[in-house]
């Protein structure tokens, strides 16, 4: 599996950053290539995304760990194989460090070449920058889910 780890600091409190990240259906607003995320229940989502060379993929994922203001971890249950975790670390009262780790299985020649060329790494970095712009501009989350999954 290939992996990407990226970090960004956002100028909002931990609670605001975390609460916004729990609004999975908003991901297409700031995530490149993510066409739709449909939340099925508290721990399951259906994803639809456009990858390298316009290839569309769909998969289901489940939250495997969720601790408010700390971390969210997930894994795919079918379709495009991937796992990941995002951590939320308080820098000070008005700033948060987000660290996003993703492991994925490139499929086919085009995805493998793209992975080696750093396409996914740049995409994740861009997604975090767009999230930063989104949440800092709003200043508040669009919703929240404060449940815990272990």
N, C-alpha and C. Protein backbone atom coordinates (compact mmCIF):
# COMPACT_ATOMS: atom_id res chain seq x y z
N UNK A 1 0.84 -1.18 0.00
CA UNK A 1 0.00 0.00 0.00
C UNK A 1 0.89 1.24 0.00
N UNK A 2 0.40 2.29 -0.63
CA UNK A 2 1.07 3.58 -0.63
C UNK A 2 0.53 4.40 0.53
N UNK A 3 1.31 5.37 0.98
CA UNK A 3 0.84 6.19 2.09
C UNK A 3 1.21 7.66 1.89
N UNK A 4 0.39 8.50 2.50
CA UNK A 4 0.60 9.94 2.48
C UNK A 4 0.34 10.45 3.88
N UNK A 5 1.19 11.36 4.36
CA UNK A 5 0.95 12.04 5.63
C UNK A 5 1.21 13.53 5.40
N UNK A 6 0.23 14.35 5.75
CA UNK A 6 0.34 15.79 5.59
C UNK A 6 -0.18 16.48 6.84
N UNK A 7 0.38 17.63 7.14
CA UNK A 7 0.00 18.41 8.32
C UNK A 7 -0.26 19.85 7.90
N UNK A 8 -1.25 20.47 8.56
CA UNK A 8 -1.53 21.88 8.33
C UNK A 8 -2.05 22.49 9.63
N UNK A 9 -1.73 23.76 9.83
CA UNK A 9 -2.25 24.49 10.98
C UNK A 9 -3.40 25.37 10.52
N UNK A 10 -4.49 25.34 11.27
CA UNK A 10 -5.66 26.16 10.94
C UNK A 10 -5.95 27.09 12.11
N UNK A 11 -6.38 28.29 11.79
CA UNK A 11 -6.62 29.31 12.81
C UNK A 11 -8.06 29.28 13.31
N UNK A 12 -8.44 28.14 13.86
CA UNK A 12 -9.71 27.96 14.56
C UNK A 12 -9.45 27.02 15.74
N UNK A 13 -10.30 27.08 16.76
CA UNK A 13 -10.13 26.16 17.90
C UNK A 13 -10.28 24.69 17.48
N UNK A 14 -9.70 23.81 18.27
CA UNK A 14 -9.78 22.37 18.00
C UNK A 14 -11.22 21.93 17.79
N UNK A 15 -12.10 22.36 18.67
CA UNK A 15 -13.50 21.92 18.57
C UNK A 15 -14.11 22.30 17.22
N UNK A 16 -13.83 23.49 16.74
CA UNK A 16 -14.38 23.95 15.46
C UNK A 16 -13.84 23.10 14.31
N UNK A 17 -12.53 22.87 14.29
CA UNK A 17 -11.93 22.07 13.22
C UNK A 17 -12.47 20.64 13.26
N UNK A 18 -12.50 20.05 14.44
CA UNK A 18 -12.99 18.68 14.59
C UNK A 18 -14.46 18.58 14.17
N UNK A 19 -15.29 19.47 14.70
CA UNK A 19 -16.72 19.40 14.39
C UNK A 19 -16.97 19.52 12.89
N UNK A 20 -16.23 20.40 12.21
CA UNK A 20 -16.42 20.53 10.76
C UNK A 20 -16.01 19.25 10.06
N UNK A 21 -14.92 18.63 10.49
CA UNK A 21 -14.46 17.41 9.83
C UNK A 21 -15.47 16.28 9.98
N UNK A 22 -16.30 16.31 11.00
CA UNK A 22 -17.32 15.26 11.17
C UNK A 22 -18.48 15.42 10.18
N UNK A 23 -18.49 16.51 9.43
CA UNK A 23 -19.55 16.76 8.44
C UNK A 23 -19.11 16.21 7.10
N UNK A 24 -19.07 14.88 7.02
CA UNK A 24 -18.49 14.18 5.86
C UNK A 24 -19.16 14.55 4.54
N UNK A 25 -20.44 14.83 4.56
CA UNK A 25 -21.14 15.16 3.32
C UNK A 25 -20.70 16.51 2.75
N UNK A 26 -19.96 17.30 3.53
CA UNK A 26 -19.40 18.57 3.05
C UNK A 26 -18.04 18.40 2.38
N UNK A 27 -17.45 17.21 2.43
CA UNK A 27 -16.12 16.99 1.88
C UNK A 27 -15.98 17.43 0.41
N UNK A 28 -16.98 17.22 -0.45
CA UNK A 28 -16.81 17.66 -1.84
C UNK A 28 -16.56 19.17 -1.99
N UNK A 29 -16.90 19.95 -0.99
CA UNK A 29 -16.68 21.40 -1.05
C UNK A 29 -15.19 21.73 -1.08
N UNK A 30 -14.38 20.94 -0.38
CA UNK A 30 -12.95 21.25 -0.30
C UNK A 30 -12.02 20.12 -0.71
N UNK A 31 -12.55 18.94 -1.04
CA UNK A 31 -11.70 17.83 -1.45
C UNK A 31 -11.77 17.63 -2.96
N UNK A 32 -10.62 17.78 -3.60
CA UNK A 32 -10.51 17.60 -5.04
C UNK A 32 -10.86 16.16 -5.43
N UNK A 33 -11.70 16.01 -6.42
CA UNK A 33 -12.04 14.69 -6.92
C UNK A 33 -13.13 13.97 -6.15
N UNK A 34 -13.49 14.45 -4.97
CA UNK A 34 -14.57 13.82 -4.21
C UNK A 34 -15.88 14.39 -4.73
N UNK A 35 -16.66 13.53 -5.37
CA UNK A 35 -17.92 13.95 -5.97
C UNK A 35 -19.07 13.91 -4.99
N UNK A 36 -19.04 12.90 -4.09
CA UNK A 36 -20.14 12.74 -3.14
C UNK A 36 -19.69 11.88 -1.97
N UNK A 37 -20.13 12.26 -0.77
CA UNK A 37 -20.01 11.41 0.41
C UNK A 37 -21.40 11.40 1.02
N UNK A 38 -21.94 10.21 1.13
CA UNK A 38 -23.28 10.05 1.71
C UNK A 38 -23.12 9.31 3.03
N UNK A 39 -23.54 9.95 4.11
CA UNK A 39 -23.45 9.31 5.41
C UNK A 39 -24.66 8.39 5.59
N UNK A 40 -24.39 7.11 5.80
CA UNK A 40 -25.43 6.10 5.92
C UNK A 40 -25.94 6.03 7.36
N UNK A 41 -25.01 6.04 8.31
CA UNK A 41 -25.35 6.09 9.73
C UNK A 41 -24.15 6.71 10.46
N UNK A 42 -24.10 6.62 11.77
CA UNK A 42 -23.04 7.29 12.53
C UNK A 42 -21.64 6.82 12.16
N UNK A 43 -21.49 5.60 11.67
CA UNK A 43 -20.15 5.07 11.41
C UNK A 43 -19.92 4.60 9.97
N UNK A 44 -20.89 4.75 9.09
CA UNK A 44 -20.74 4.25 7.71
C UNK A 44 -21.04 5.33 6.68
N UNK A 45 -20.21 5.35 5.63
CA UNK A 45 -20.37 6.32 4.55
C UNK A 45 -20.18 5.64 3.20
N UNK A 46 -20.79 6.23 2.19
CA UNK A 46 -20.59 5.80 0.81
C UNK A 46 -19.90 6.94 0.08
N UNK A 47 -18.78 6.63 -0.56
CA UNK A 47 -17.97 7.63 -1.27
C UNK A 47 -18.06 7.43 -2.78
N UNK A 48 -18.01 8.53 -3.50
CA UNK A 48 -17.90 8.52 -4.96
C UNK A 48 -16.87 9.58 -5.32
N UNK A 49 -15.84 9.18 -6.08
CA UNK A 49 -14.77 10.12 -6.39
C UNK A 49 -14.23 9.88 -7.80
N UNK A 50 -13.63 10.91 -8.34
CA UNK A 50 -12.99 10.84 -9.65
C UNK A 50 -11.48 10.85 -9.42
N UNK A 51 -10.82 9.84 -9.97
CA UNK A 51 -9.38 9.68 -9.78
C UNK A 51 -8.62 10.05 -11.04
N UNK A 52 -7.38 9.59 -11.09
CA UNK A 52 -6.49 9.87 -12.21
C UNK A 52 -7.16 9.49 -13.53
N UNK A 53 -6.99 10.35 -14.51
CA UNK A 53 -7.51 10.13 -15.86
C UNK A 53 -9.03 10.03 -15.90
N UNK A 54 -9.71 10.67 -14.94
CA UNK A 54 -11.17 10.73 -14.96
C UNK A 54 -11.88 9.46 -14.55
N UNK A 55 -11.15 8.51 -13.99
CA UNK A 55 -11.75 7.25 -13.56
C UNK A 55 -12.58 7.46 -12.30
N UNK A 56 -13.87 7.06 -12.33
CA UNK A 56 -14.76 7.20 -11.17
C UNK A 56 -14.75 5.91 -10.36
N UNK A 57 -14.67 6.07 -9.05
CA UNK A 57 -14.70 4.91 -8.15
C UNK A 57 -15.70 5.18 -7.04
N UNK A 58 -16.29 4.11 -6.55
CA UNK A 58 -17.18 4.18 -5.40
C UNK A 58 -16.74 3.14 -4.39
N UNK A 59 -16.93 3.47 -3.11
CA UNK A 59 -16.61 2.52 -2.06
C UNK A 59 -17.36 2.91 -0.79
N UNK A 60 -17.43 1.95 0.10
CA UNK A 60 -18.02 2.16 1.41
C UNK A 60 -16.90 2.19 2.44
N UNK A 61 -17.09 2.99 3.46
CA UNK A 61 -16.10 3.11 4.52
C UNK A 61 -16.80 3.14 5.87
N UNK A 62 -16.05 2.72 6.88
CA UNK A 62 -16.58 2.78 8.23
C UNK A 62 -15.58 3.49 9.14
N UNK A 63 -16.13 4.24 10.07
CA UNK A 63 -15.32 4.88 11.11
C UNK A 63 -14.94 3.78 12.09
N UNK A 64 -13.64 3.63 12.35
CA UNK A 64 -13.18 2.60 13.27
C UNK A 64 -12.81 3.17 14.63
N UNK A 65 -12.53 4.47 14.66
CA UNK A 65 -12.21 5.14 15.92
C UNK A 65 -12.58 6.61 15.78
N UNK A 66 -13.24 7.13 16.78
CA UNK A 66 -13.58 8.54 16.77
C UNK A 66 -13.62 9.03 18.21
N UNK A 67 -12.79 10.00 18.49
CA UNK A 67 -12.71 10.58 19.81
C UNK A 67 -12.78 12.10 19.65
N UNK A 68 -13.86 12.73 20.15
CA UNK A 68 -14.05 14.16 19.93
C UNK A 68 -12.81 15.00 20.26
N UNK A 69 -12.53 15.91 19.35
CA UNK A 69 -11.41 16.86 19.46
C UNK A 69 -10.05 16.19 19.47
N UNK A 70 -9.98 14.91 19.10
CA UNK A 70 -8.71 14.20 19.12
C UNK A 70 -8.40 13.52 17.78
N UNK A 71 -9.27 12.57 17.35
CA UNK A 71 -8.96 11.82 16.13
C UNK A 71 -10.19 11.16 15.54
N UNK A 72 -10.08 10.89 14.24
CA UNK A 72 -11.07 10.10 13.51
C UNK A 72 -10.27 9.14 12.63
N UNK A 73 -10.58 7.84 12.70
CA UNK A 73 -9.91 6.85 11.87
C UNK A 73 -10.97 6.07 11.10
N UNK A 74 -10.62 5.60 9.90
CA UNK A 74 -11.57 4.89 9.06
C UNK A 74 -10.85 3.84 8.22
N UNK A 75 -11.66 3.00 7.61
CA UNK A 75 -11.16 2.02 6.64
C UNK A 75 -12.26 1.75 5.63
N UNK A 76 -11.85 1.46 4.41
CA UNK A 76 -12.85 1.08 3.41
C UNK A 76 -13.30 -0.34 3.71
N UNK A 77 -14.55 -0.63 3.39
CA UNK A 77 -15.08 -1.99 3.59
C UNK A 77 -15.29 -2.71 2.27
N UNK A 78 -15.23 -1.96 1.18
CA UNK A 78 -15.28 -2.55 -0.16
C UNK A 78 -14.81 -1.48 -1.15
N UNK A 79 -14.70 -1.84 -2.40
CA UNK A 79 -14.28 -0.87 -3.41
C UNK A 79 -12.82 -0.48 -3.24
N UNK A 80 -12.50 0.79 -3.48
CA UNK A 80 -11.13 1.29 -3.44
C UNK A 80 -10.52 1.08 -2.05
N UNK A 81 -9.50 0.22 -1.93
CA UNK A 81 -8.91 -0.07 -0.62
C UNK A 81 -8.18 1.14 -0.04
N UNK A 82 -8.56 1.55 1.17
CA UNK A 82 -7.89 2.66 1.84
C UNK A 82 -8.19 2.65 3.33
N UNK A 83 -7.27 3.23 4.08
CA UNK A 83 -7.45 3.47 5.51
C UNK A 83 -6.87 4.84 5.82
N UNK A 84 -7.24 5.38 6.94
CA UNK A 84 -6.67 6.66 7.30
C UNK A 84 -7.05 7.11 8.68
N UNK A 85 -6.42 8.23 9.05
CA UNK A 85 -6.71 8.83 10.35
C UNK A 85 -6.37 10.32 10.25
N UNK A 86 -7.17 11.12 10.92
CA UNK A 86 -6.86 12.54 11.08
C UNK A 86 -6.80 12.84 12.56
N UNK A 87 -5.74 13.55 12.95
CA UNK A 87 -5.57 13.95 14.35
C UNK A 87 -5.72 15.47 14.45
N UNK A 88 -6.26 15.90 15.57
CA UNK A 88 -6.49 17.31 15.85
C UNK A 88 -5.71 17.67 17.11
N UNK A 89 -4.67 18.49 16.97
CA UNK A 89 -3.83 18.86 18.11
C UNK A 89 -3.94 20.35 18.37
N UNK A 90 -4.25 20.70 19.60
CA UNK A 90 -4.37 22.10 20.00
C UNK A 90 -2.99 22.75 20.00
N UNK A 91 -2.86 23.85 19.25
CA UNK A 91 -1.64 24.65 19.28
C UNK A 91 -1.80 25.69 20.39
N UNK A 92 -2.92 26.38 20.37
CA UNK A 92 -3.36 27.28 21.43
C UNK A 92 -4.87 27.43 21.26
N UNK A 93 -5.51 28.25 22.07
CA UNK A 93 -6.98 28.31 22.07
C UNK A 93 -7.60 28.58 20.70
N UNK A 94 -6.90 29.31 19.85
CA UNK A 94 -7.49 29.65 18.55
C UNK A 94 -6.83 29.00 17.36
N UNK A 95 -6.02 27.96 17.58
CA UNK A 95 -5.33 27.31 16.46
C UNK A 95 -5.20 25.81 16.69
N UNK A 96 -5.27 25.07 15.59
CA UNK A 96 -5.25 23.60 15.63
C UNK A 96 -4.32 23.08 14.55
N UNK A 97 -3.58 22.05 14.89
CA UNK A 97 -2.75 21.34 13.91
C UNK A 97 -3.49 20.07 13.50
N UNK A 98 -3.73 19.91 12.19
CA UNK A 98 -4.36 18.71 11.64
C UNK A 98 -3.28 17.87 10.99
N UNK A 99 -3.25 16.59 11.32
CA UNK A 99 -2.34 15.65 10.68
C UNK A 99 -3.18 14.55 10.06
N UNK A 100 -3.12 14.46 8.74
CA UNK A 100 -3.91 13.50 7.98
C UNK A 100 -3.00 12.41 7.43
N UNK A 101 -3.30 11.16 7.75
CA UNK A 101 -2.55 10.00 7.27
C UNK A 101 -3.50 9.13 6.45
N UNK A 102 -3.09 8.79 5.25
CA UNK A 102 -3.90 7.94 4.37
C UNK A 102 -3.03 6.84 3.79
N UNK A 103 -3.54 5.62 3.80
CA UNK A 103 -2.92 4.51 3.08
C UNK A 103 -3.92 4.04 2.04
N UNK A 104 -3.44 3.79 0.83
CA UNK A 104 -4.32 3.40 -0.26
C UNK A 104 -3.59 2.44 -1.19
N UNK A 105 -4.37 1.70 -1.93
CA UNK A 105 -3.83 0.72 -2.87
C UNK A 105 -4.04 1.22 -4.29
N UNK A 106 -2.98 1.73 -4.95
CA UNK A 106 -3.15 2.15 -6.35
C UNK A 106 -3.53 0.93 -7.20
N UNK A 107 -4.48 1.14 -8.11
CA UNK A 107 -4.95 0.04 -8.95
C UNK A 107 -4.63 0.37 -10.41
N UNK A 108 -3.94 -0.52 -11.07
CA UNK A 108 -3.65 -0.34 -12.48
C UNK A 108 -2.43 0.54 -12.73
N UNK A 109 -2.01 0.55 -13.97
CA UNK A 109 -0.80 1.26 -14.38
C UNK A 109 -0.89 2.77 -14.12
N UNK A 110 -2.01 3.39 -14.52
CA UNK A 110 -2.14 4.84 -14.41
C UNK A 110 -2.07 5.27 -12.94
N UNK A 111 -2.79 4.58 -12.06
CA UNK A 111 -2.77 4.96 -10.64
C UNK A 111 -1.40 4.71 -10.02
N UNK A 112 -0.74 3.62 -10.42
CA UNK A 112 0.60 3.35 -9.89
C UNK A 112 1.59 4.42 -10.32
N UNK A 113 1.54 4.82 -11.57
CA UNK A 113 2.42 5.89 -12.06
C UNK A 113 2.09 7.19 -11.34
N UNK A 114 0.80 7.50 -11.22
CA UNK A 114 0.37 8.71 -10.51
C UNK A 114 0.85 8.72 -9.08
N UNK A 115 0.78 7.58 -8.42
CA UNK A 115 1.23 7.48 -7.03
C UNK A 115 2.73 7.76 -6.94
N UNK A 116 3.51 7.17 -7.84
CA UNK A 116 4.96 7.39 -7.84
C UNK A 116 5.32 8.83 -8.17
N UNK A 117 4.47 9.52 -8.92
CA UNK A 117 4.72 10.91 -9.27
C UNK A 117 4.21 11.88 -8.21
N UNK A 118 3.58 11.35 -7.15
CA UNK A 118 3.14 12.20 -6.05
C UNK A 118 1.78 12.85 -6.24
N UNK A 119 0.97 12.32 -7.16
CA UNK A 119 -0.34 12.92 -7.42
C UNK A 119 -1.21 12.91 -6.16
N UNK A 120 -1.28 11.79 -5.46
CA UNK A 120 -2.11 11.71 -4.26
C UNK A 120 -1.57 12.61 -3.15
N UNK A 121 -0.26 12.68 -3.01
CA UNK A 121 0.34 13.54 -2.01
C UNK A 121 -0.04 15.00 -2.24
N UNK A 122 0.03 15.45 -3.48
CA UNK A 122 -0.34 16.84 -3.80
C UNK A 122 -1.83 17.06 -3.61
N UNK A 123 -2.64 16.05 -3.93
CA UNK A 123 -4.09 16.18 -3.76
C UNK A 123 -4.45 16.34 -2.29
N UNK A 124 -3.85 15.51 -1.43
CA UNK A 124 -4.13 15.59 0.01
C UNK A 124 -3.67 16.93 0.57
N UNK A 125 -2.50 17.39 0.15
CA UNK A 125 -2.01 18.69 0.59
C UNK A 125 -2.97 19.81 0.17
N UNK A 126 -3.45 19.74 -1.06
CA UNK A 126 -4.41 20.73 -1.55
C UNK A 126 -5.73 20.66 -0.79
N UNK A 127 -6.18 19.44 -0.48
CA UNK A 127 -7.43 19.28 0.28
C UNK A 127 -7.31 19.95 1.65
N UNK A 128 -6.19 19.76 2.32
CA UNK A 128 -6.00 20.38 3.63
C UNK A 128 -5.95 21.90 3.52
N UNK A 129 -5.31 22.41 2.48
CA UNK A 129 -5.27 23.87 2.29
C UNK A 129 -6.67 24.42 2.03
N UNK A 130 -7.46 23.70 1.23
CA UNK A 130 -8.83 24.15 0.96
C UNK A 130 -9.70 24.05 2.22
N UNK A 131 -9.48 23.01 3.04
CA UNK A 131 -10.20 22.91 4.31
C UNK A 131 -9.86 24.12 5.19
N UNK A 132 -8.57 24.45 5.27
CA UNK A 132 -8.12 25.61 6.05
C UNK A 132 -8.83 26.88 5.59
N UNK A 133 -8.83 27.11 4.29
CA UNK A 133 -9.50 28.30 3.75
C UNK A 133 -10.99 28.28 4.08
N UNK A 134 -11.62 27.12 3.90
CA UNK A 134 -13.05 26.97 4.15
C UNK A 134 -13.41 27.29 5.60
N UNK A 135 -12.73 26.65 6.55
CA UNK A 135 -13.11 26.80 7.96
C UNK A 135 -12.68 28.15 8.52
N UNK A 136 -11.55 28.67 8.07
CA UNK A 136 -11.14 29.99 8.56
C UNK A 136 -12.05 31.09 8.03
N UNK A 137 -12.48 30.96 6.80
CA UNK A 137 -13.39 31.96 6.23
C UNK A 137 -14.74 31.93 6.95
N UNK A 138 -15.27 30.72 7.21
CA UNK A 138 -16.54 30.59 7.93
C UNK A 138 -16.40 31.00 9.39
N UNK A 139 -15.31 30.55 10.02
CA UNK A 139 -15.10 30.85 11.43
C UNK A 139 -15.87 29.95 12.37
N UNK A 140 -16.78 29.16 11.81
CA UNK A 140 -17.58 28.25 12.61
C UNK A 140 -17.93 27.03 11.77
N UNK A 141 -18.23 25.95 12.43
CA UNK A 141 -18.54 24.70 11.73
C UNK A 141 -19.96 24.73 11.16
N UNK A 142 -20.21 23.90 10.15
CA UNK A 142 -21.55 23.80 9.55
C UNK A 142 -22.43 22.83 10.32
N UNK A 143 -21.84 22.08 11.24
CA UNK A 143 -22.56 21.09 12.04
C UNK A 143 -21.55 20.35 12.89
N UNK A 144 -22.02 19.35 13.61
CA UNK A 144 -21.10 18.60 14.48
C UNK A 144 -21.71 17.24 14.82
N UNK A 145 -20.84 16.29 15.06
CA UNK A 145 -21.24 15.01 15.64
C UNK A 145 -20.23 14.73 16.72
N UNK A 146 -20.66 14.66 17.96
CA UNK A 146 -19.77 14.55 19.10
C UNK A 146 -19.73 13.15 19.68
N UNK A 147 -20.24 12.18 18.94
CA UNK A 147 -20.23 10.80 19.43
C UNK A 147 -18.82 10.22 19.47
N UNK A 148 -18.69 9.10 20.15
CA UNK A 148 -17.41 8.43 20.26
C UNK A 148 -17.53 7.02 19.67
N UNK A 149 -16.50 6.61 18.95
CA UNK A 149 -16.44 5.27 18.37
C UNK A 149 -15.11 4.67 18.80
N UNK A 150 -15.16 3.44 19.33
CA UNK A 150 -13.89 2.79 19.72
C UNK A 150 -13.85 1.37 19.25
